[in-house]
C-alpha atoms as a PDB file:
ATOM      1  CA  GLN A   1       2.187  19.957  -6.310  1.00  0.00           C
ATOM      2  CA  VAL A   2       1.416  16.753  -4.421  1.00  0.00           C
ATOM      3  CA  HIS A   3       4.117  14.676  -2.833  1.00  0.00           C
ATOM      4  CA  ILE A   4       3.614  11.169  -1.477  1.00  0.00           C
ATOM      5  CA  VAL A   5       5.899   9.672   1.135  1.00  0.00           C
ATOM      6  CA  GLU A   6       5.829   5.943   1.825  1.00  0.00           C
ATOM      7  CA  SER A   7       7.185   4.313   4.937  1.00  0.00           C
ATOM      8  CA  GLY A   8       7.087   1.087   6.883  1.00  0.00           C
ATOM      9  CA  GLY A   9       8.811  -1.398   4.619  1.00  0.00           C
ATOM     10  CA  GLY A  10      11.505  -3.797   5.626  1.00  0.00           C
ATOM     11  CA  LEU A  11      12.347  -7.416   6.281  1.00  0.00           C
ATOM     12  CA  VAL A  12       9.878  -9.767   7.910  1.00  0.00           C
ATOM     13  CA  GLN A  13       9.666 -13.516   8.401  1.00  0.00           C
ATOM     14  CA  PRO A  14       6.959 -15.632   6.796  1.00  0.00           C
ATOM     15  CA  GLY A  15       3.799 -15.431   8.845  1.00  0.00           C
ATOM     16  CA  GLY A  16       4.762 -12.052  10.209  1.00  0.00           C
ATOM     17  CA  SER A  17       3.132  -8.668   9.863  1.00  0.00           C
ATOM     18  CA  LEU A  18       4.086  -5.286   8.536  1.00  0.00           C
ATOM     19  CA  ARG A  19       2.292  -1.979   8.132  1.00  0.00           C
ATOM     20  CA  LEU A  20       2.935   0.407   5.275  1.00  0.00           C
ATOM     21  CA  SER A  21       1.924   4.054   5.291  1.00  0.00           C
ATOM     22  CA  CYS A  22       1.528   6.668   2.597  1.00  0.00           C
ATOM     23  CA  ALA A  23       1.196  10.316   3.536  1.00  0.00           C
ATOM     24  CA  ALA A  24       0.266  13.017   1.049  1.00  0.00           C
ATOM     25  CA  TYR A  25       1.529  16.580   1.180  1.00  0.00           C
ATOM     26  CA  GLY A  26       0.536  19.585  -0.909  1.00  0.00           C
ATOM     27  CA  SER A  27      -2.648  20.823  -2.526  1.00  0.00           C
ATOM     28  CA  LEU A  28      -5.025  17.939  -1.973  1.00  0.00           C
ATOM     29  CA  SER A  29      -8.486  17.600  -3.450  1.00  0.00           C
ATOM     30  CA  ASP A  30     -11.496  16.112  -1.752  1.00  0.00           C
ATOM     31  CA  GLY A  31     -12.711  12.631  -2.515  1.00  0.00           C
ATOM     32  CA  ARG A  32      -9.320  10.967  -2.589  1.00  0.00           C
ATOM     33  CA  VAL A  33      -9.041   7.374  -3.755  1.00  0.00           C
ATOM     34  CA  TRP A  34      -5.958   5.435  -2.735  1.00  0.00           C
ATOM     35  CA  HIS A  35      -4.678   2.535  -4.832  1.00  0.00           C
ATOM     36  CA  TRP A  36      -1.925   0.073  -4.027  1.00  0.00           C
ATOM     37  CA  TYR A  37       0.150  -1.957  -6.470  1.00  0.00           C
ATOM     38  CA  ARG A  38       3.234  -4.051  -6.081  1.00  0.00           C
ATOM     39  CA  GLN A  39       6.053  -5.225  -8.332  1.00  0.00           C
ATOM     40  CA  GLY A  40       7.747  -8.486  -7.515  1.00  0.00           C
ATOM     41  CA  PRO A  41      11.254  -9.669  -8.340  1.00  0.00           C
ATOM     42  CA  GLY A  42      10.200 -10.515 -11.883  1.00  0.00           C
ATOM     43  CA  ASN A  43       8.944  -6.966 -12.416  1.00  0.00           C
ATOM     44  CA  GLN A  44       5.361  -8.143 -12.671  1.00  0.00           C
ATOM     45  CA  ARG A  45       2.826  -5.578 -11.541  1.00  0.00           C
ATOM     46  CA  GLU A  46       0.008  -6.781  -9.345  1.00  0.00           C
ATOM     47  CA  ARG A  47      -2.986  -4.998  -7.944  1.00  0.00           C
ATOM     48  CA  VAL A  48      -3.080  -5.002  -4.159  1.00  0.00           C
ATOM     49  CA  GLY A  49      -6.228  -3.016  -3.478  1.00  0.00           C
ATOM     50  CA  LEU A  50      -7.925   0.315  -3.122  1.00  0.00           C
ATOM     51  CA  ILE A  51      -9.843   2.330  -0.598  1.00  0.00           C
ATOM     52  CA  THR A  52     -12.486   4.907  -1.445  1.00  0.00           C
ATOM     53  CA  PRO A  53     -13.162   8.218   0.311  1.00  0.00           C
ATOM     54  CA  GLU A  54     -16.039   6.491   2.089  1.00  0.00           C
ATOM     55  CA  GLY A  55     -13.722   3.816   3.413  1.00  0.00           C
ATOM     56  CA  ASN A  56     -14.890   1.028   1.126  1.00  0.00           C
ATOM     57  CA  THR A  57     -12.136  -1.367   0.165  1.00  0.00           C
ATOM     58  CA  ASP A  58     -11.369  -3.841  -2.579  1.00  0.00           C
ATOM     59  CA  TYR A  59      -8.467  -6.277  -2.654  1.00  0.00           C
ATOM     60  CA  GLY A  60      -6.617  -8.381  -5.133  1.00  0.00           C
ATOM     61  CA  ASP A  61      -7.192 -12.099  -4.850  1.00  0.00           C
ATOM     62  CA  SER A  62      -3.649 -12.828  -3.740  1.00  0.00           C
ATOM     63  CA  VAL A  63      -3.911 -10.651  -0.629  1.00  0.00           C
ATOM     64  CA  LYS A  64      -7.590 -10.895   0.235  1.00  0.00           C
ATOM     65  CA  GLY A  65      -8.115 -11.900   3.832  1.00  0.00           C
ATOM     66  CA  ARG A  66      -4.551 -11.037   4.814  1.00  0.00           C
ATOM     67  CA  PHE A  67      -4.168  -7.348   3.963  1.00  0.00           C
ATOM     68  CA  THR A  68      -6.304  -4.512   5.277  1.00  0.00           C
ATOM     69  CA  LEU A  69      -6.525  -0.942   4.027  1.00  0.00           C
ATOM     70  CA  SER A  70      -7.514   1.987   6.188  1.00  0.00           C
ATOM     71  CA  ARG A  71      -7.241   5.734   6.005  1.00  0.00           C
ATOM     72  CA  ASP A  72      -6.886   8.777   8.204  1.00  0.00           C
ATOM     73  CA  ASP A  73      -7.936  11.803   6.193  1.00  0.00           C
ATOM     74  CA  ALA A  74      -7.113  14.163   9.035  1.00  0.00           C
ATOM     75  CA  GLN A  75      -3.490  13.214   8.416  1.00  0.00           C
ATOM     76  CA  ASN A  76      -3.858  12.617   4.657  1.00  0.00           C
ATOM     77  CA  THR A  77      -2.588   9.118   5.211  1.00  0.00           C
ATOM     78  CA  VAL A  78      -3.475   5.630   4.051  1.00  0.00           C
ATOM     79  CA  TYR A  79      -2.335   2.441   5.747  1.00  0.00           C
ATOM     80  CA  LEU A  80      -1.772  -1.040   4.424  1.00  0.00           C
ATOM     81  CA  GLN A  81      -1.712  -3.605   7.201  1.00  0.00           C
ATOM     82  CA  MET A  82      -0.144  -6.832   5.979  1.00  0.00           C
ATOM     83  CA  ASN A  83      -0.607  -9.979   8.029  1.00  0.00           C
ATOM     84  CA  SER A  84       0.280 -13.631   7.479  1.00  0.00           C
ATOM     85  CA  LEU A  85       2.962 -12.595   5.053  1.00  0.00           C
ATOM     86  CA  LYS A  86       4.198 -15.092   2.498  1.00  0.00           C
ATOM     87  CA  LEU A  87       7.389 -15.345   0.505  1.00  0.00           C
ATOM     88  CA  GLU A  88       5.503 -14.303  -2.610  1.00  0.00           C
ATOM     89  CA  ASP A  89       4.546 -11.012  -0.948  1.00  0.00           C
ATOM     90  CA  THR A  90       8.120  -9.873  -1.463  1.00  0.00           C
ATOM     91  CA  ALA A  91       7.870  -6.833  -3.711  1.00  0.00           C
ATOM     92  CA  VAL A  92       8.161  -3.099  -4.009  1.00  0.00           C
ATOM     93  CA  TYR A  93       4.863  -1.585  -2.940  1.00  0.00           C
ATOM     94  CA  PHE A  94       3.439   1.592  -4.435  1.00  0.00           C
ATOM     95  CA  CYS A  95       0.557   3.740  -3.299  1.00  0.00           C
ATOM     96  CA  ILE A  96      -1.209   5.966  -5.813  1.00  0.00           C
ATOM     97  CA  LEU A  97      -3.453   8.882  -4.982  1.00  0.00           C
ATOM     98  CA  ASN A  98      -6.343   9.440  -7.416  1.00  0.00           C
ATOM     99  CA  GLU A  99      -4.468   7.492 -10.103  1.00  0.00           C
ATOM    100  CA  ALA A 100      -2.193  10.500 -10.488  1.00  0.00           C
ATOM    101  CA  TYR A 101       0.351  10.753  -7.701  1.00  0.00           C
ATOM    102  CA  TRP A 102       2.674   7.880  -6.877  1.00  0.00           C
ATOM    103  CA  GLY A 103       4.649   7.136  -3.809  1.00  0.00           C
ATOM    104  CA  GLN A 104       8.317   6.419  -4.278  1.00  0.00           C
ATOM    105  CA  GLY A 105       7.844   2.713  -3.688  1.00  0.00           C
ATOM    106  CA  ILE A 106       8.935   0.808  -0.636  1.00  0.00           C
ATOM    107  CA  ARG A 107      10.456  -2.633  -0.447  1.00  0.00           C
ATOM    108  CA  VAL A 108       8.959  -5.472   1.533  1.00  0.00           C
ATOM    109  CA  THR A 109      11.057  -8.594   1.847  1.00  0.00           C
ATOM    110  CA  VAL A 110       9.578 -11.746   3.325  1.00  0.00           C
ATOM    111  CA  SER A 111      12.305 -14.212   4.136  1.00  0.00           C
ATOM    112  CA  SER A 112      13.306 -16.704   6.783  1.00  0.00           C
END
């Protein structure tokens, strides 16, 4: 009943920036919490961060200071702004709505 669509991935050089988006469609509840995880080439899963309905954010240590989460509830959308990208940021990124609905995953490749 809820469908998540991710967009914004692609190839970027080290030090560059990229913005990912997740938009939710369907029967949405209030008080939505957005989580982000990523899976690198070795299939390890790493916490990226979360944003609460109030706009409070929390980030994993590996991305803190470089990534920024924001949300636009009028469009049922969350954004992940990624700056100062590193090679180790290469991964498939997933957004999760209320720990229940997953985006399809989108690939980010950081390479020179």
